[in-house]
Amino acid sequence: MNIRNLLLCLCVLLFSVGVNAKTLTVGVALANFDLNFVSILRTRMQQELKASQLNSQFVDAKGDVALQVQQVDDFINQGVDAIILNPVDTQGVLPMINAAKKAGIPLVFVNRKPEVKLPENMAYVGSDSALGGEMQMEALAKKMNYKGNVAILMGALSNEEARERTRAVEAVISKYKNMKVIEKQTAKWQRNEAVDVVSGWLLNQRPIDAIAANNDEMAIGAIMALSQAKNEKILVAGIDGTPDGQQFIKNGKMALTIFQDARGQATGAVQVTKALLDKKKVDTLNWVPYKLITPENYQSFSAENAG
């Protein structure tokens, strides 16, 4: 009898160790794999999740909020242990929040801040969108000697980033009596869209002195349009500090960009997710700071945001 009890205890112990040794799985739902910045986030998160001994599954919403809602539901039905979400629409996150909350699954937003109050067991890791726009326009205004006409290339209007960066740019311009916004149009974060928008402005002979783009991809598109028109006088500024953006700074084509730390955001998102899985308390908002990149200091950023 004692031997049977001993064997039973050993079996229970081995089963318990097996359960505790189970590798947890994190579902990562990203807005669009094709976006340069999101691609960097993805690569870094893959590395960090592996280093944290967490299994992962990545899905691409391709810019479709309905698809992303379905992908999050699929993660929950598959029994993932946590979800990291880079939302397509920062105003359309409630269905995903409610689904994760009902399932008791930790949910961590990264890069794009949801425009709702987050419940317990959820957090945001990213940068302050308005501060990025403010830093961009203050640096650009200084290069313009605080006078001239500014055109704004906005990201997708479903994103808090686009609206907040644009609002901040406009607020800075309003401070200076000899500056004004004369054009404002979305290019949906895309390089090719920005080429078309800026080409249209040039075709209509708009008196633009500088272009403030909500991200580097649109800034590069603006530079391409200016190059095609053989117009090298208009200053162009971006945000993100991607490798491509830094290359245009190096070549003297882009006046400045604001470094948004993709690797820092990715690492932070994984760390916060792991803390929630370990039942630890985390801050609801976890800020990753911006930095200004100019032709004078771009070399110090060359190893950053490279994935």
Protein backbone atom coordinates (compact mmCIF):
# COMPACT_ATOMS: atom_id res chain seq x y z
CA MET A 1 0.00 0.00 0.00
CA ASN A 2 2.82 2.36 0.91
CA ILE A 3 4.59 1.62 -2.38
CA ARG A 4 1.37 2.31 -4.31
CA ASN A 5 0.92 5.61 -2.48
CA LEU A 6 4.52 6.53 -3.18
CA LEU A 7 4.12 5.77 -6.88
CA LEU A 8 0.88 7.77 -6.94
CA CYS A 9 2.61 10.75 -5.35
CA LEU A 10 5.44 10.52 -7.87
CA CYS A 11 2.95 10.47 -10.75
CA VAL A 12 1.12 13.51 -9.37
CA LEU A 13 4.43 15.33 -8.93
CA LEU A 14 5.59 14.54 -12.46
CA PHE A 15 2.22 15.65 -13.85
CA SER A 16 2.44 18.89 -11.88
CA VAL A 17 5.95 19.57 -13.18
CA GLY A 18 4.75 18.86 -16.73
CA VAL A 19 1.86 21.32 -16.37
CA ASN A 20 4.10 24.00 -14.87
CA ALA A 21 6.67 23.46 -17.61
CA LYS A 22 4.12 24.16 -20.35
CA THR A 23 5.40 26.83 -22.73
CA LEU A 24 2.96 29.72 -22.90
CA THR A 25 1.80 31.10 -26.25
CA VAL A 26 1.35 34.77 -27.15
CA GLY A 27 -0.80 35.76 -30.12
CA VAL A 28 0.47 38.91 -31.85
CA ALA A 29 -2.03 40.78 -34.04
CA LEU A 30 -0.40 43.48 -36.16
CA ALA A 31 -2.13 46.15 -38.24
CA ASN A 32 -0.16 45.70 -41.46
CA PHE A 33 3.03 43.74 -42.11
CA ASP A 34 3.78 45.96 -45.12
CA LEU A 35 4.33 49.10 -43.02
CA ASN A 36 8.05 49.67 -42.46
CA PHE A 37 7.75 50.51 -38.77
CA VAL A 38 5.41 47.57 -38.09
CA SER A 39 7.87 45.26 -39.83
CA ILE A 40 10.59 46.37 -37.38
CA LEU A 41 8.21 45.81 -34.45
CA ARG A 42 7.44 42.33 -35.71
CA THR A 43 11.08 41.28 -36.10
CA ARG A 44 12.05 42.54 -32.66
CA MET A 45 9.04 40.98 -30.94
CA GLN A 46 9.83 37.61 -32.52
CA GLN A 47 13.33 37.85 -31.03
CA GLU A 48 12.13 38.98 -27.61
CA LEU A 49 9.38 36.36 -27.32
CA LYS A 50 11.84 33.61 -28.20
CA ALA A 51 14.36 34.96 -25.67
CA SER A 52 11.59 34.97 -23.04
CA GLN A 53 10.83 31.30 -23.87
CA LEU A 54 7.35 32.16 -25.08
CA ASN A 55 5.76 30.60 -28.14
CA SER A 56 4.27 33.10 -30.57
CA GLN A 57 1.89 33.32 -33.47
CA PHE A 58 1.79 36.44 -35.68
CA VAL A 59 -1.12 37.52 -37.88
CA ASP A 60 -1.48 40.39 -40.36
CA ALA A 61 -4.74 42.38 -40.45
CA LYS A 62 -3.72 44.04 -43.75
CA GLY A 63 -5.27 47.29 -42.55
CA ASP A 64 -8.72 45.70 -42.10
CA VAL A 65 -10.26 46.25 -38.65
CA ALA A 66 -12.96 43.59 -39.16
CA LEU A 67 -10.29 41.04 -40.03
CA GLN A 68 -8.30 42.02 -36.95
CA VAL A 69 -11.32 41.54 -34.68
CA GLN A 70 -11.75 38.05 -36.16
CA GLN A 71 -8.05 37.30 -35.69
CA VAL A 72 -8.22 38.21 -32.00
CA ASP A 73 -11.32 36.01 -31.61
CA ASP A 74 -9.40 33.19 -33.29
CA PHE A 75 -6.52 33.61 -30.85
CA ILE A 76 -8.93 33.38 -27.93
CA ASN A 77 -10.63 30.29 -29.36
CA GLN A 78 -7.22 28.67 -29.89
CA GLY A 79 -6.45 29.19 -26.21
CA VAL A 80 -3.48 31.57 -26.39
CA ASP A 81 -2.25 32.75 -23.00
CA ALA A 82 -1.87 36.44 -23.91
CA ILE A 83 -2.35 38.79 -26.86
CA ILE A 84 -0.22 41.70 -28.11
CA LEU A 85 -2.22 44.03 -30.34
CA ASN A 86 -1.11 46.74 -32.77
CA PRO A 87 -4.58 48.02 -33.71
CA VAL A 88 -5.76 48.95 -37.19
CA ASP A 89 -8.26 51.41 -35.74
CA THR A 90 -7.52 52.92 -32.32
CA GLN A 91 -11.20 53.82 -31.94
CA GLY A 92 -12.43 50.35 -32.92
CA VAL A 93 -10.77 48.32 -30.17
CA LEU A 94 -13.71 47.70 -27.80
CA PRO A 95 -14.80 44.36 -29.34
CA MET A 96 -11.27 43.01 -28.86
CA ILE A 97 -10.96 44.43 -25.34
CA ASN A 98 -14.30 42.93 -24.33
CA ALA A 99 -13.46 39.54 -25.85
CA ALA A 100 -10.09 39.35 -24.08
CA LYS A 101 -11.61 40.54 -20.80
CA LYS A 102 -14.38 37.92 -20.97
CA ALA A 103 -11.79 35.20 -21.66
CA GLY A 104 -9.51 36.43 -18.87
CA ILE A 105 -6.58 36.83 -21.28
CA PRO A 106 -3.98 39.61 -20.78
CA LEU A 107 -4.04 42.12 -23.66
CA VAL A 108 -1.14 44.49 -24.36
CA PHE A 109 -1.40 47.25 -26.97
CA VAL A 110 1.78 48.33 -28.71
CA ASN A 111 2.70 51.42 -30.76
CA ARG A 112 -0.88 52.63 -31.33
CA LYS A 113 -2.65 53.86 -28.20
CA PRO A 114 -6.28 52.73 -27.84
CA GLU A 115 -8.69 55.63 -27.36
CA VAL A 116 -10.56 54.01 -24.47
CA LYS A 117 -9.76 53.42 -20.82
CA LEU A 118 -8.06 50.08 -20.39
CA PRO A 119 -9.40 47.63 -17.80
CA GLU A 120 -7.30 45.57 -15.41
CA ASN A 121 -4.94 43.03 -17.00
CA MET A 122 -4.37 45.31 -20.01
CA ALA A 123 -1.70 47.89 -20.85
CA TYR A 124 -0.22 50.11 -23.57
CA VAL A 125 3.45 50.31 -24.57
CA GLY A 126 4.41 53.08 -26.98
CA SER A 127 5.16 56.75 -27.44
CA ASP A 128 3.13 59.94 -26.96
CA SER A 129 1.83 60.76 -30.45
CA ALA A 130 1.20 64.44 -29.72
CA LEU A 131 4.72 64.91 -28.36
CA GLY A 132 6.16 63.43 -31.58
CA GLY A 133 4.25 65.95 -33.70
CA GLU A 134 5.26 68.81 -31.42
CA MET A 135 8.96 67.89 -31.52
CA GLN A 136 8.84 67.51 -35.29
CA MET A 137 7.21 70.88 -35.96
CA GLU A 138 9.28 72.86 -33.44
CA ALA A 139 12.48 71.58 -35.08
CA LEU A 140 11.10 72.21 -38.57
CA ALA A 141 9.89 75.71 -37.63
CA LYS A 142 13.39 76.56 -36.42
CA LYS A 143 14.86 75.46 -39.77
CA MET A 144 12.26 77.66 -41.49
CA ASN A 145 13.26 80.68 -39.34
CA TYR A 146 9.69 80.64 -38.03
CA LYS A 147 8.10 81.80 -41.27
CA GLY A 148 6.50 80.16 -44.30
CA ASN A 149 3.75 77.81 -45.49
CA VAL A 150 3.47 74.23 -44.25
CA ALA A 151 1.71 71.26 -45.85
CA ILE A 152 0.84 68.26 -43.66
CA LEU A 153 0.81 64.65 -44.84
CA MET A 154 -1.42 62.72 -42.45
CA GLY A 155 -1.47 59.01 -41.73
CA ALA A 156 -4.65 56.91 -41.78
CA LEU A 157 -7.32 58.94 -40.01
CA SER A 158 -8.52 55.85 -38.12
CA ASN A 159 -5.30 56.04 -36.09
CA GLU A 160 -4.80 58.09 -32.96
CA GLU A 161 -1.19 58.65 -34.09
CA ALA A 162 -2.24 60.49 -37.24
CA ARG A 163 -4.80 62.72 -35.55
CA GLU A 164 -2.63 63.56 -32.53
CA ARG A 165 0.54 64.21 -34.51
CA THR A 166 -1.38 66.45 -36.91
CA ARG A 167 -3.09 68.33 -34.09
CA ALA A 168 0.27 68.95 -32.41
CA VAL A 169 1.86 70.16 -35.66
CA GLU A 170 -1.00 72.62 -36.16
CA ALA A 171 -0.71 73.82 -32.55
CA VAL A 172 2.98 74.63 -32.99
CA ILE A 173 2.37 76.48 -36.27
CA SER A 174 -0.39 78.55 -34.65
CA LYS A 175 2.18 79.93 -32.19
CA TYR A 176 4.12 81.70 -34.94
CA LYS A 177 2.41 84.60 -36.70
CA ASN A 178 4.43 84.25 -39.92
CA MET A 179 3.62 80.57 -40.39
CA LYS A 180 0.45 78.83 -41.58
CA VAL A 181 -0.91 75.50 -42.80
CA ILE A 182 -1.94 75.69 -46.45
CA GLU A 183 -2.50 72.00 -47.25
CA LYS A 184 -3.47 68.96 -45.19
CA GLN A 185 -4.25 65.56 -46.68
CA THR A 186 -3.96 61.90 -45.74
CA ALA A 187 -1.58 59.57 -47.57
CA LYS A 188 -2.50 56.63 -45.29
CA TRP A 189 1.09 56.11 -44.04
CA GLN A 190 2.11 54.98 -47.57
CA ARG A 191 5.05 56.16 -49.67
CA ASN A 192 3.24 55.82 -53.02
CA GLU A 193 0.16 57.62 -51.74
CA ALA A 194 2.36 60.51 -50.62
CA VAL A 195 3.97 60.74 -54.06
CA ASP A 196 0.50 61.22 -55.58
CA VAL A 197 -0.66 63.75 -52.98
CA VAL A 198 2.46 65.93 -53.18
CA SER A 199 2.55 65.71 -56.99
CA GLY A 200 -0.98 67.11 -56.96
CA TRP A 201 0.05 69.99 -54.71
CA LEU A 202 2.98 70.81 -56.98
CA LEU A 203 0.80 70.57 -60.09
CA ASN A 204 -1.55 73.10 -58.52
CA GLN A 205 1.44 75.36 -57.81
CA ARG A 206 0.78 75.56 -54.08
CA PRO A 207 3.32 77.90 -52.37
CA ILE A 208 4.70 75.30 -49.96
CA ASP A 209 7.88 75.94 -47.96
CA ALA A 210 7.91 72.77 -45.87
CA ILE A 211 6.11 69.43 -45.56
CA ALA A 212 5.50 67.81 -42.17
CA ALA A 213 4.70 64.12 -42.67
CA ASN A 214 3.21 61.95 -39.92
CA ASN A 215 5.77 59.22 -40.71
CA ASP A 216 8.98 58.61 -42.64
CA GLU A 217 7.34 56.62 -45.42
CA MET A 218 5.15 59.57 -46.42
CA ALA A 219 8.10 61.95 -46.03
CA ILE A 220 10.08 59.78 -48.45
CA GLY A 221 7.14 59.80 -50.86
CA ALA A 222 7.09 63.60 -50.65
CA ILE A 223 10.84 63.74 -51.40
CA MET A 224 10.36 61.45 -54.41
CA ALA A 225 7.62 63.73 -55.78
CA LEU A 226 9.80 66.81 -55.24
CA SER A 227 12.72 65.10 -56.97
CA GLN A 228 10.55 64.23 -59.97
CA ALA A 229 9.49 67.89 -60.17
CA LYS A 230 13.12 69.01 -59.73
CA ASN A 231 12.10 71.01 -56.67
CA GLU A 232 14.80 70.78 -53.99
CA LYS A 233 13.83 73.87 -51.98
CA ILE A 234 10.96 72.48 -49.91
CA LEU A 235 11.98 71.13 -46.50
CA VAL A 236 10.58 67.71 -45.55
CA ALA A 237 10.31 66.21 -42.07
CA GLY A 238 9.24 62.73 -41.01
CA ILE A 239 8.61 60.70 -37.87
CA ASP A 240 9.87 57.20 -36.93
CA GLY A 241 13.59 57.21 -37.68
CA THR A 242 13.39 54.05 -39.77
CA PRO A 243 16.52 52.85 -41.62
CA ASP A 244 15.11 54.30 -44.87
CA GLY A 245 14.32 57.59 -43.14
CA GLN A 246 17.82 57.79 -41.71
CA GLN A 247 19.29 57.16 -45.16
CA PHE A 248 17.38 60.16 -46.53
CA ILE A 249 18.71 62.26 -43.64
CA LYS A 250 22.24 61.08 -44.48
CA ASN A 251 21.76 61.98 -48.17
CA GLY A 252 20.57 65.46 -47.25
CA LYS A 253 17.11 64.90 -48.73
CA MET A 254 15.14 64.92 -45.44
CA ALA A 255 15.53 67.84 -43.06
CA LEU A 256 14.83 65.84 -39.89
CA THR A 257 12.87 63.00 -38.41
CA ILE A 258 11.70 62.03 -34.93
CA PHE A 259 13.13 58.74 -33.71
CA GLN A 260 10.38 56.43 -32.50
CA ASP A 261 11.99 53.46 -30.80
CA ALA A 262 10.45 50.42 -32.51
CA ARG A 263 12.80 48.03 -30.79
CA GLY A 264 12.15 49.67 -27.42
CA GLN A 265 8.40 49.40 -27.95
CA ALA A 266 8.65 45.77 -29.03
CA THR A 267 10.85 44.84 -26.08
CA GLY A 268 8.59 46.74 -23.68
CA ALA A 269 5.46 45.05 -25.02
CA VAL A 270 6.96 41.60 -24.48
CA GLN A 271 8.21 42.50 -20.99
CA VAL A 272 4.79 43.84 -19.95
CA THR A 273 3.08 40.77 -21.43
CA LYS A 274 5.39 38.44 -19.51
CA ALA A 275 4.78 40.40 -16.30
CA LEU A 276 1.01 40.04 -16.75
CA LEU A 277 1.42 36.30 -17.40
CA ASP A 278 3.43 36.09 -14.17
CA LYS A 279 0.54 37.85 -12.38
CA LYS A 280 2.65 40.92 -11.64
CA LYS A 281 1.30 44.46 -11.43
CA VAL A 282 2.17 46.72 -14.40
CA ASP A 283 1.56 50.34 -15.31
CA THR A 284 -1.37 50.88 -17.64
CA LEU A 285 0.62 53.33 -19.78
CA ASN A 286 4.27 52.56 -20.52
CA TRP A 287 5.94 55.41 -22.42
CA VAL A 288 8.94 55.03 -24.74
CA PRO A 289 10.60 58.44 -25.38
CA TYR A 290 11.18 60.12 -28.74
CA LYS A 291 14.46 61.67 -29.94
CA LEU A 292 15.24 64.18 -32.69
CA ILE A 293 17.35 62.99 -35.65
CA THR A 294 19.08 65.63 -37.79
CA PRO A 295 21.94 65.66 -40.33
CA GLU A 296 24.20 66.57 -37.40
CA ASN A 297 23.47 63.53 -35.22
CA TYR A 298 22.02 60.79 -37.48
CA GLN A 299 25.15 58.64 -37.15
CA SER A 300 24.41 57.91 -33.50
CA PHE A 301 21.10 56.29 -34.56
CA SER A 302 22.47 54.08 -37.32
CA ALA A 303 22.10 50.86 -35.32
CA GLU A 304 18.60 51.70 -34.09
CA ASN A 305 15.29 50.52 -35.58
CA ALA A 306 17.16 48.01 -37.71
CA GLY A 307 15.06 45.11 -36.47
